[in-house]
Amino acid sequence: MPCYRCGARQTDPVRGASPWRRGVRRETQVLVCPDCQRLHDLDLDTCAGCGSAALIRRLGEVECRACGAVRIAEAGAPAASGSPPGLSAEVAAALDRVLGRT
């Protein structure tokens, strides 16, 4: 999944914690790259209880990692952001290279 702001793709991490940050934006889980994290206006959803932007979305729920509050995700909201544009073409090209197709 690429960064939702700039489209940068996450590379294989070195040992230790990933510098990428997860968040929820418009009821969809997103990733934020280290460069975009420096921006002050990430436009991420925040917890209604404590105001933290440290939210994760899973199985129809949104959980605050700061205070532990869990709420049901809004009805009709997507469960995932879907494939980024061009990803299917990249995967097809990689399969063609690996399988020796031309």
PDB file of N, CA and C in Angstrom:
ATOM      1  N   MET A   1       0.854  -1.169   0.000  1.00  0.00           N
ATOM      2  CA  MET A   1       0.000   0.000   0.000  1.00  0.00           C
ATOM      3  C   MET A   1       0.902   1.235   0.000  1.00  0.00           C
ATOM      4  N   PRO A   2       0.667   2.160  -0.909  1.00  0.00           N
ATOM      5  CA  PRO A   2       1.496   3.369  -0.951  1.00  0.00           C
ATOM      6  C   PRO A   2       1.033   4.418   0.056  1.00  0.00           C
ATOM      7  N   CYS A   3       1.862   5.435   0.226  1.00  0.00           N
ATOM      8  CA  CYS A   3       1.497   6.577   1.063  1.00  0.00           C
ATOM      9  C   CYS A   3       0.271   7.242   0.443  1.00  0.00           C
ATOM     10  N   TYR A   4      -0.724   7.545   1.255  1.00  0.00           N
ATOM     11  CA  TYR A   4      -1.956   8.109   0.716  1.00  0.00           C
ATOM     12  C   TYR A   4      -1.770   9.543   0.219  1.00  0.00           C
ATOM     13  N   ARG A   5      -0.741  10.252   0.678  1.00  0.00           N
ATOM     14  CA  ARG A   5      -0.534  11.642   0.269  1.00  0.00           C
ATOM     15  C   ARG A   5       0.310  11.777  -0.987  1.00  0.00           C
ATOM     16  N   CYS A   6       1.452  11.077  -1.032  1.00  0.00           N
ATOM     17  CA  CYS A   6       2.379  11.278  -2.154  1.00  0.00           C
ATOM     18  C   CYS A   6       2.490  10.071  -3.079  1.00  0.00           C
ATOM     19  N   GLY A   7       1.964   8.916  -2.662  1.00  0.00           N
ATOM     20  CA  GLY A   7       2.004   7.727  -3.509  1.00  0.00           C
ATOM     21  C   GLY A   7       3.289   6.926  -3.422  1.00  0.00           C
ATOM     22  N   ALA A   8       4.230   7.329  -2.573  1.00  0.00           N
ATOM     23  CA  ALA A   8       5.482   6.585  -2.419  1.00  0.00           C
ATOM     24  C   ALA A   8       5.182   5.178  -1.916  1.00  0.00           C
ATOM     25  N   ARG A   9       5.905   4.219  -2.430  1.00  0.00           N
ATOM     26  CA  ARG A   9       5.702   2.831  -2.022  1.00  0.00           C
ATOM     27  C   ARG A   9       6.667   2.458  -0.906  1.00  0.00           C
ATOM     28  N   GLN A  10       6.165   1.690   0.033  1.00  0.00           N
ATOM     29  CA  GLN A  10       6.983   1.241   1.152  1.00  0.00           C
ATOM     30  C   GLN A  10       7.953   0.182   0.644  1.00  0.00           C
ATOM     31  N   THR A  11       9.210   0.290   1.055  1.00  0.00           N
ATOM     32  CA  THR A  11      10.219  -0.693   0.660  1.00  0.00           C
ATOM     33  C   THR A  11      10.438  -1.662   1.815  1.00  0.00           C
ATOM     34  N   ASP A  12      11.214  -2.696   1.568  1.00  0.00           N
ATOM     35  CA  ASP A  12      11.508  -3.652   2.623  1.00  0.00           C
ATOM     36  C   ASP A  12      12.187  -2.924   3.777  1.00  0.00           C
ATOM     37  N   PRO A  13      11.660  -3.090   4.972  1.00  0.00           N
ATOM     38  CA  PRO A  13      12.225  -2.351   6.104  1.00  0.00           C
ATOM     39  C   PRO A  13      13.548  -2.933   6.573  1.00  0.00           C
ATOM     40  N   VAL A  14      14.348  -2.074   7.157  1.00  0.00           N
ATOM     41  CA  VAL A  14      15.547  -2.538   7.846  1.00  0.00           C
ATOM     42  C   VAL A  14      15.086  -3.041   9.204  1.00  0.00           C
ATOM     43  N   ARG A  15      15.994  -3.615   9.958  1.00  0.00           N
ATOM     44  CA  ARG A  15      15.613  -4.115  11.283  1.00  0.00           C
ATOM     45  C   ARG A  15      15.091  -2.985  12.157  1.00  0.00           C
ATOM     46  N   GLY A  16      14.157  -3.329  12.995  1.00  0.00           N
ATOM     47  CA  GLY A  16      13.585  -2.341  13.907  1.00  0.00           C
ATOM     48  C   GLY A  16      12.203  -1.907  13.457  1.00  0.00           C
ATOM     49  N   ALA A  17      11.704  -0.929  14.125  1.00  0.00           N
ATOM     50  CA  ALA A  17      10.365  -0.430  13.845  1.00  0.00           C
ATOM     51  C   ALA A  17      10.336   0.315  12.509  1.00  0.00           C
ATOM     52  N   SER A  18       9.234   0.188  11.808  1.00  0.00           N
ATOM     53  CA  SER A  18       9.065   0.868  10.529  1.00  0.00           C
ATOM     54  C   SER A  18       8.842   2.358  10.758  1.00  0.00           C
ATOM     55  N   PRO A  19       9.453   3.204   9.937  1.00  0.00           N
ATOM     56  CA  PRO A  19       9.221   4.638  10.079  1.00  0.00           C
ATOM     57  C   PRO A  19       7.871   5.072   9.499  1.00  0.00           C
ATOM     58  N   TRP A  20       7.190   4.177   8.788  1.00  0.00           N
ATOM     59  CA  TRP A  20       5.884   4.485   8.231  1.00  0.00           C
ATOM     60  C   TRP A  20       4.840   4.461   9.332  1.00  0.00           C
ATOM     61  N   ARG A  21       3.799   5.264   9.181  1.00  0.00           N
ATOM     62  CA  ARG A  21       2.753   5.379  10.190  1.00  0.00           C
ATOM     63  C   ARG A  21       1.400   4.975   9.595  1.00  0.00           C
ATOM     64  N   ARG A  22       0.635   4.222  10.378  1.00  0.00           N
ATOM     65  CA  ARG A  22      -0.723   3.876   9.964  1.00  0.00           C
ATOM     66  C   ARG A  22      -1.683   4.927  10.497  1.00  0.00           C
ATOM     67  N   GLY A  23      -2.781   5.088   9.800  1.00  0.00           N
ATOM     68  CA  GLY A  23      -3.812   6.004  10.255  1.00  0.00           C
ATOM     69  C   GLY A  23      -5.124   5.655   9.579  1.00  0.00           C
ATOM     70  N   VAL A  24      -6.156   6.367   9.941  1.00  0.00           N
ATOM     71  CA  VAL A  24      -7.468   6.185   9.322  1.00  0.00           C
ATOM     72  C   VAL A  24      -7.885   7.531   8.752  1.00  0.00           C
ATOM     73  N   ARG A  25      -8.314   7.494   7.502  1.00  0.00           N
ATOM     74  CA  ARG A  25      -8.781   8.707   6.829  1.00  0.00           C
ATOM     75  C   ARG A  25     -10.078   8.370   6.119  1.00  0.00           C
ATOM     76  N   ARG A  26     -11.135   9.069   6.485  1.00  0.00           N
ATOM     77  CA  ARG A  26     -12.459   8.830   5.903  1.00  0.00           C
ATOM     78  C   ARG A  26     -12.846   7.352   5.999  1.00  0.00           C
ATOM     79  N   GLU A  27     -12.614   6.789   7.197  1.00  0.00           N
ATOM     80  CA  GLU A  27     -12.988   5.402   7.504  1.00  0.00           C
ATOM     81  C   GLU A  27     -12.158   4.358   6.759  1.00  0.00           C
ATOM     82  N   THR A  28     -11.052   4.746   6.160  1.00  0.00           N
ATOM     83  CA  THR A  28     -10.187   3.826   5.422  1.00  0.00           C
ATOM     84  C   THR A  28      -8.799   3.843   6.035  1.00  0.00           C
ATOM     85  N   GLN A  29      -8.221   2.647   6.250  1.00  0.00           N
ATOM     86  CA  GLN A  29      -6.850   2.579   6.778  1.00  0.00           C
ATOM     87  C   GLN A  29      -5.888   3.035   5.697  1.00  0.00           C
ATOM     88  N   VAL A  30      -4.942   3.895   6.068  1.00  0.00           N
ATOM     89  CA  VAL A  30      -3.946   4.418   5.139  1.00  0.00           C
ATOM     90  C   VAL A  30      -2.560   4.334   5.770  1.00  0.00           C
ATOM     91  N   LEU A  31      -1.535   4.439   4.928  1.00  0.00           N
ATOM     92  CA  LEU A  31      -0.148   4.546   5.383  1.00  0.00           C
ATOM     93  C   LEU A  31       0.354   5.944   5.074  1.00  0.00           C
ATOM     94  N   VAL A  32       1.240   6.448   5.939  1.00  0.00           N
ATOM     95  CA  VAL A  32       1.848   7.754   5.734  1.00  0.00           C
ATOM     96  C   VAL A  32       3.360   7.562   5.756  1.00  0.00           C
ATOM     97  N   CYS A  33       4.033   7.995   4.696  1.00  0.00           N
ATOM     98  CA  CYS A  33       5.485   7.831   4.609  1.00  0.00           C
ATOM     99  C   CYS A  33       6.177   8.795   5.567  1.00  0.00           C
ATOM    100  N   PRO A  34       7.450   8.548   5.882  1.00  0.00           N
ATOM    101  CA  PRO A  34       8.178   9.427   6.803  1.00  0.00           C
ATOM    102  C   PRO A  34       8.233  10.882   6.331  1.00  0.00           C
ATOM    103  N   ASP A  35       8.370  11.117   5.021  1.00  0.00           N
ATOM    104  CA  ASP A  35       8.435  12.497   4.517  1.00  0.00           C
ATOM    105  C   ASP A  35       7.119  13.233   4.747  1.00  0.00           C
ATOM    106  N   CYS A  36       6.002  12.584   4.465  1.00  0.00           N
ATOM    107  CA  CYS A  36       4.697  13.228   4.638  1.00  0.00           C
ATOM    108  C   CYS A  36       4.332  13.393   6.113  1.00  0.00           C
ATOM    109  N   GLN A  37       4.912  12.590   6.992  1.00  0.00           N
ATOM    110  CA  GLN A  37       4.638  12.728   8.422  1.00  0.00           C
ATOM    111  C   GLN A  37       5.109  14.067   8.958  1.00  0.00           C
ATOM    112  N   ARG A  38       6.053  14.679   8.279  1.00  0.00           N
ATOM    113  CA  ARG A  38       6.574  15.977   8.730  1.00  0.00           C
ATOM    114  C   ARG A  38       5.561  17.105   8.506  1.00  0.00           C
ATOM    115  N   LEU A  39       4.566  16.861   7.655  1.00  0.00           N
ATOM    116  CA  LEU A  39       3.526  17.864   7.419  1.00  0.00           C
ATOM    117  C   LEU A  39       2.618  17.936   8.628  1.00  0.00           C
ATOM    118  N   HIS A  40       2.135  19.095   8.934  1.00  0.00           N
ATOM    119  CA  HIS A  40       1.299  19.263  10.116  1.00  0.00           C
ATOM    120  C   HIS A  40      -0.159  18.920   9.843  1.00  0.00           C
ATOM    121  N   ASP A  41      -0.607  19.009   8.610  1.00  0.00           N
ATOM    122  CA  ASP A  41      -2.002  18.731   8.279  1.00  0.00           C
ATOM    123  C   ASP A  41      -2.091  17.447   7.466  1.00  0.00           C
ATOM    124  N   LEU A  42      -2.135  16.303   8.174  1.00  0.00           N
ATOM    125  CA  LEU A  42      -2.229  15.017   7.494  1.00  0.00           C
ATOM    126  C   LEU A  42      -3.660  14.667   7.124  1.00  0.00           C
ATOM    127  N   ASP A  43      -4.640  15.390   7.649  1.00  0.00           N
ATOM    128  CA  ASP A  43      -6.053  15.166   7.355  1.00  0.00           C
ATOM    129  C   ASP A  43      -6.485  13.746   7.713  1.00  0.00           C
ATOM    130  N   LEU A  44      -6.026  13.258   8.879  1.00  0.00           N
ATOM    131  CA  LEU A  44      -6.418  11.933   9.358  1.00  0.00           C
ATOM    132  C   LEU A  44      -7.587  12.065  10.321  1.00  0.00           C
ATOM    133  N   ASP A  45      -8.415  11.021  10.399  1.00  0.00           N
ATOM    134  CA  ASP A  45      -9.499  10.991  11.374  1.00  0.00           C
ATOM    135  C   ASP A  45      -8.892  10.961  12.773  1.00  0.00           C
ATOM    136  N   THR A  46      -9.623  11.470  13.750  1.00  0.00           N
ATOM    137  CA  THR A  46      -9.161  11.469  15.131  1.00  0.00           C
ATOM    138  C   THR A  46     -10.188  10.804  16.036  1.00  0.00           C
ATOM    139  N   CYS A  47      -9.740  10.374  17.186  1.00  0.00           N
ATOM    140  CA  CYS A  47     -10.588   9.733  18.182  1.00  0.00           C
ATOM    141  C   CYS A  47     -11.537  10.765  18.784  1.00  0.00           C
ATOM    142  N   ALA A  48     -12.812  10.421  18.883  1.00  0.00           N
ATOM    143  CA  ALA A  48     -13.792  11.327  19.476  1.00  0.00           C
ATOM    144  C   ALA A  48     -13.552  11.492  20.980  1.00  0.00           C
ATOM    145  N   GLY A  49     -12.933  10.491  21.603  1.00  0.00           N
ATOM    146  CA  GLY A  49     -12.713  10.545  23.047  1.00  0.00           C
ATOM    147  C   GLY A  49     -11.498  11.345  23.460  1.00  0.00           C
ATOM    148  N   CYS A  50     -10.342  11.055  22.829  1.00  0.00           N
ATOM    149  CA  CYS A  50      -9.108  11.699  23.276  1.00  0.00           C
ATOM    150  C   CYS A  50      -8.470  12.617  22.234  1.00  0.00           C
ATOM    151  N   GLY A  51      -8.974  12.598  21.000  1.00  0.00           N
ATOM    152  CA  GLY A  51      -8.437  13.471  19.960  1.00  0.00           C
ATOM    153  C   GLY A  51      -7.206  12.949  19.253  1.00  0.00           C
ATOM    154  N   SER A  52      -6.740  11.758  19.596  1.00  0.00           N
ATOM    155  CA  SER A  52      -5.544  11.185  18.979  1.00  0.00           C
ATOM    156  C   SER A  52      -5.830  10.753  17.539  1.00  0.00           C
ATOM    157  N   ALA A  53      -4.811  10.851  16.692  1.00  0.00           N
ATOM    158  CA  ALA A  53      -4.924  10.373  15.314  1.00  0.00           C
ATOM    159  C   ALA A  53      -4.373   8.949  15.179  1.00  0.00           C
ATOM    160  N   ALA A  54      -4.011   8.324  16.285  1.00  0.00           N
ATOM    161  CA  ALA A  54      -3.453   6.964  16.272  1.00  0.00           C
ATOM    162  C   ALA A  54      -4.592   5.946  16.195  1.00  0.00           C
ATOM    163  N   LEU A  55      -5.252   5.896  15.038  1.00  0.00           N
ATOM    164  CA  LEU A  55      -6.373   4.988  14.831  1.00  0.00           C
ATOM    165  C   LEU A  55      -5.984   3.878  13.880  1.00  0.00           C
ATOM    166  N   ILE A  56      -6.608   2.715  14.064  1.00  0.00           N
ATOM    167  CA  ILE A  56      -6.475   1.622  13.105  1.00  0.00           C
ATOM    168  C   ILE A  56      -7.873   1.124  12.774  1.00  0.00           C
ATOM    169  N   ARG A  57      -8.028   0.606  11.575  1.00  0.00           N
ATOM    170  CA  ARG A  57      -9.317   0.059  11.156  1.00  0.00           C
ATOM    171  C   ARG A  57      -9.139  -1.420  10.897  1.00  0.00           C
ATOM    172  N   ARG A  58     -10.098  -2.196  11.403  1.00  0.00           N
ATOM    173  CA  ARG A  58     -10.070  -3.640  11.149  1.00  0.00           C
ATOM    174  C   ARG A  58     -11.466  -4.203  11.331  1.00  0.00           C
ATOM    175  N   LEU A  59     -11.855  -5.078  10.465  1.00  0.00           N
ATOM    176  CA  LEU A  59     -13.116  -5.820  10.549  1.00  0.00           C
ATOM    177  C   LEU A  59     -14.308  -4.971  10.959  1.00  0.00           C
ATOM    178  N   GLY A  60     -14.475  -3.842  10.303  1.00  0.00           N
ATOM    179  CA  GLY A  60     -15.631  -3.007  10.559  1.00  0.00           C
ATOM    180  C   GLY A  60     -15.563  -2.165  11.807  1.00  0.00           C
ATOM    181  N   GLU A  61     -14.406  -2.121  12.459  1.00  0.00           N
ATOM    182  CA  GLU A  61     -14.221  -1.330  13.661  1.00  0.00           C
ATOM    183  C   GLU A  61     -13.063  -0.358  13.470  1.00  0.00           C
ATOM    184  N   VAL A  62     -13.113   0.732  14.214  1.00  0.00           N
ATOM    185  CA  VAL A  62     -11.999   1.675  14.271  1.00  0.00           C
ATOM    186  C   VAL A  62     -11.580   1.745  15.733  1.00  0.00           C
ATOM    187  N   GLU A  63     -10.295   1.485  15.989  1.00  0.00           N
ATOM    188  CA  GLU A  63      -9.780   1.483  17.360  1.00  0.00           C
ATOM    189  C   GLU A  63      -8.744   2.574  17.533  1.00  0.00           C
ATOM    190  N   CYS A  64      -8.813   3.254  18.674  1.00  0.00           N
ATOM    191  CA  CYS A  64      -7.819   4.256  19.031  1.00  0.00           C
ATOM    192  C   CYS A  64      -6.686   3.555  19.773  1.00  0.00           C
ATOM    193  N   ARG A  65      -5.474   3.684  19.255  1.00  0.00           N
ATOM    194  CA  ARG A  65      -4.327   3.058  19.899  1.00  0.00           C
ATOM    195  C   ARG A  65      -3.882   3.828  21.138  1.00  0.00           C
ATOM    196  N   ALA A  66      -4.315   5.058  21.276  1.00  0.00           N
ATOM    197  CA  ALA A  66      -3.918   5.861  22.433  1.00  0.00           C
ATOM    198  C   ALA A  66      -4.768   5.544  23.665  1.00  0.00           C
ATOM    199  N   CYS A  67      -6.094   5.532  23.516  1.00  0.00           N
ATOM    200  CA  CYS A  67      -6.957   5.337  24.687  1.00  0.00           C
ATOM    201  C   CYS A  67      -7.715   4.008  24.668  1.00  0.00           C
ATOM    202  N   GLY A  68      -7.639   3.267  23.556  1.00  0.00           N
ATOM    203  CA  GLY A  68      -8.291   1.964  23.485  1.00  0.00           C
ATOM    204  C   GLY A  68      -9.750   1.991  23.101  1.00  0.00           C
ATOM    205  N   ALA A  69     -10.309   3.166  22.844  1.00  0.00           N
ATOM    206  CA  ALA A  69     -11.719   3.259  22.457  1.00  0.00           C
ATOM    207  C   ALA A  69     -11.944   2.549  21.126  1.00  0.00           C
ATOM    208  N   VAL A  70     -13.033   1.808  21.053  1.00  0.00           N
ATOM    209  CA  VAL A  70     -13.388   1.090  19.830  1.00  0.00           C
ATOM    210  C   VAL A  70     -14.784   1.531  19.431  1.00  0.00           C
ATOM    211  N   ARG A  71     -14.957   1.798  18.138  1.00  0.00           N
ATOM    212  CA  ARG A  71     -16.283   2.137  17.637  1.00  0.00           C
ATOM    213  C   ARG A  71     -16.531   1.384  16.336  1.00  0.00           C
ATOM    214  N   ILE A  72     -17.790   1.223  16.021  1.00  0.00           N
ATOM    215  CA  ILE A  72     -18.167   0.589  14.759  1.00  0.00           C
ATOM    216  C   ILE A  72     -17.899   1.603  13.646  1.00  0.00           C
ATOM    217  N   ALA A  73     -17.300   1.122  12.553  1.00  0.00           N
ATOM    218  CA  ALA A  73     -17.035   1.998  11.415  1.00  0.00           C
ATOM    219  C   ALA A  73     -18.362   2.413  10.794  1.00  0.00           C
ATOM    220  N   GLU A  74     -18.370   3.583  10.193  1.00  0.00           N
ATOM    221  CA  GLU A  74     -19.590   4.097   9.582  1.00  0.00           C
ATOM    222  C   GLU A  74     -20.105   3.143   8.516  1.00  0.00           C
ATOM    223  N   ALA A  75     -21.414   2.965   8.459  1.00  0.00           N
ATOM    224  CA  ALA A  75     -22.045   2.095   7.465  1.00  0.00           C
ATOM    225  C   ALA A  75     -21.764   2.617   6.067  1.00  0.00           C
ATOM    226  N   GLY A  76     -21.480   1.698   5.171  1.00  0.00           N
ATOM    227  CA  GLY A  76     -21.234   2.070   3.787  1.00  0.00           C
ATOM    228  C   GLY A  76     -19.820   2.507   3.499  1.00  0.00           C
ATOM    229  N   ALA A  77     -19.004   2.651   4.530  1.00  0.00           N
ATOM    230  CA  ALA A  77     -17.613   3.051   4.323  1.00  0.00           C
ATOM    231  C   ALA A  77     -16.818   1.846   3.852  1.00  0.00           C
ATOM    232  N   PRO A  78     -15.853   2.033   2.967  1.00  0.00           N
ATOM    233  CA  PRO A  78     -15.060   0.910   2.476  1.00  0.00           C
ATOM    234  C   PRO A  78     -14.204   0.293   3.572  1.00  0.00           C
ATOM    235  N   ALA A  79     -14.004  -1.010   3.510  1.00  0.00           N
ATOM    236  CA  ALA A  79     -13.184  -1.696   4.503  1.00  0.00           C
ATOM    237  C   ALA A  79     -11.699  -1.496   4.238  1.00  0.00           C
ATOM    238  N   ALA A  80     -11.355  -1.249   3.003  1.00  0.00           N
ATOM    239  CA  ALA A  80      -9.962  -1.018   2.648  1.00  0.00           C
ATOM    240  C   ALA A  80      -9.922  -0.045   1.485  1.00  0.00           C
ATOM    241  N   SER A  81      -8.789   0.559   1.275  1.00  0.00           N
ATOM    242  CA  SER A  81      -8.686   1.570   0.236  1.00  0.00           C
ATOM    243  C   SER A  81      -8.639   0.970  -1.162  1.00  0.00           C
ATOM    244  N   GLY A  82      -8.491  -0.355  -1.259  1.00  0.00           N
ATOM    245  CA  GLY A  82      -8.416  -0.974  -2.571  1.00  0.00           C
ATOM    246  C   GLY A  82      -7.026  -0.857  -3.140  1.00  0.00           C
ATOM    247  N   SER A  83      -6.851  -1.390  -4.325  1.00  0.00           N
ATOM    248  CA  SER A  83      -5.548  -1.345  -4.961  1.00  0.00           C
ATOM    249  C   SER A  83      -5.261   0.041  -5.497  1.00  0.00           C
ATOM    250  N   PRO A  84      -4.056   0.527  -5.283  1.00  0.00           N
ATOM    251  CA  PRO A  84      -3.714   1.823  -5.839  1.00  0.00           C
ATOM    252  C   PRO A  84      -3.657   1.749  -7.350  1.00  0.00           C
ATOM    253  N   PRO A  85      -3.887   2.855  -8.033  1.00  0.00           N
ATOM    254  CA  PRO A  85      -3.840   2.846  -9.485  1.00  0.00           C
ATOM    255  C   PRO A  85      -2.512   2.332  -9.990  1.00  0.00           C
ATOM    256  N   GLY A  86      -2.550   1.460 -10.963  1.00  0.00           N
ATOM    257  CA  GLY A  86      -1.346   0.953 -11.585  1.00  0.00           C
ATOM    258  C   GLY A  86      -0.744  -0.267 -10.910  1.00  0.00           C
ATOM    259  N   LEU A  87      -1.220  -0.633  -9.748  1.00  0.00           N
ATOM    260  CA  LEU A  87      -0.635  -1.764  -9.041  1.00  0.00           C
ATOM    261  C   LEU A  87      -0.860  -3.064  -9.802  1.00  0.00           C
ATOM    262  N   SER A  88      -2.051  -3.268 -10.358  1.00  0.00           N
ATOM    263  CA  SER A  88      -2.314  -4.509 -11.082  1.00  0.00           C
ATOM    264  C   SER A  88      -1.399  -4.633 -12.304  1.00  0.00           C
ATOM    265  N   ALA A  89      -1.112  -3.521 -12.960  1.00  0.00           N
ATOM    266  CA  ALA A  89      -0.197  -3.549 -14.108  1.00  0.00           C
ATOM    267  C   ALA A  89       1.219  -3.895 -13.659  1.00  0.00           C
ATOM    268  N   GLU A  90       1.644  -3.365 -12.506  1.00  0.00           N
ATOM    269  CA  GLU A  90       2.968  -3.677 -11.977  1.00  0.00           C
ATOM    270  C   GLU A  90       3.082  -5.150 -11.624  1.00  0.00           C
ATOM    271  N   VAL A  91       2.038  -5.700 -11.027  1.00  0.00           N
ATOM    272  CA  VAL A  91       2.046  -7.116 -10.650  1.00  0.00           C
ATOM    273  C   VAL A  91       2.071  -7.989 -11.904  1.00  0.00           C
ATOM    274  N   ALA A  92       1.288  -7.636 -12.897  1.00  0.00           N
ATOM    275  CA  ALA A  92       1.277  -8.399 -14.148  1.00  0.00           C
ATOM    276  C   ALA A  92       2.653  -8.379 -14.820  1.00  0.00           C
ATOM    277  N   ALA A  93       3.299  -7.226 -14.836  1.00  0.00           N
ATOM    278  CA  ALA A  93       4.634  -7.122 -15.441  1.00  0.00           C
ATOM    279  C   ALA A  93       5.647  -7.950 -14.660  1.00  0.00           C
ATOM    280  N   ALA A  94       5.557  -7.941 -13.331  1.00  0.00           N
ATOM    281  CA  ALA A  94       6.477  -8.735 -12.517  1.00  0.00           C
ATOM    282  C   ALA A  94       6.262 -10.228 -12.761  1.00  0.00           C
ATOM    283  N   LEU A  95       5.023 -10.654 -12.854  1.00  0.00           N
ATOM    284  CA  LEU A  95       4.739 -12.075 -13.148  1.00  0.00           C
ATOM    285  C   LEU A  95       5.273 -12.466 -14.516  1.00  0.00           C
ATOM    286  N   ASP A  96       5.104 -11.590 -15.490  1.00  0.00           N
ATOM    287  CA  ASP A  96       5.628 -11.881 -16.817  1.00  0.00           C
ATOM    288  C   ASP A  96       7.138 -12.044 -16.801  1.00  0.00           C
ATOM    289  N   ARG A  97       7.837 -11.181 -16.036  1.00  0.00           N
ATOM    290  CA  ARG A  97       9.292 -11.298 -15.944  1.00  0.00           C
ATOM    291  C   ARG A  97       9.709 -12.608 -15.277  1.00  0.00           C
ATOM    292  N   VAL A  98       9.047 -12.935 -14.173  1.00  0.00           N
ATOM    293  CA  VAL A  98       9.404 -14.143 -13.414  1.00  0.00           C
ATOM    294  C   VAL A  98       9.095 -15.402 -14.207  1.00  0.00           C
ATOM    295  N   LEU A  99       7.972 -15.404 -14.897  1.00  0.00           N
ATOM    296  CA  LEU A  99       7.563 -16.587 -15.643  1.00  0.00           C
ATOM    297  C   LEU A  99       8.123 -16.647 -17.052  1.00  0.00           C
ATOM    298  N   GLY A 100       8.911 -15.643 -17.433  1.00  0.00           N
ATOM    299  CA  GLY A 100       9.562 -15.640 -18.730  1.00  0.00           C
ATOM    300  C   GLY A 100       8.620 -15.342 -19.892  1.00  0.00           C
ATOM    301  N   ARG A 101       7.499 -14.728 -19.617  1.00  0.00           N
ATOM    302  CA  ARG A 101       6.567 -14.343 -20.686  1.00  0.00           C
ATOM    303  C   ARG A 101       7.065 -13.067 -21.329  1.00  0.00           C
ATOM    304  N   THR A 102       6.737 -12.896 -22.601  1.00  0.00           N
ATOM    305  CA  THR A 102       7.117 -11.651 -23.285  1.00  0.00           C
ATOM    306  C   THR A 102       5.923 -10.891 -23.746  1.00  0.00           C
TER     307      THR A 102
END
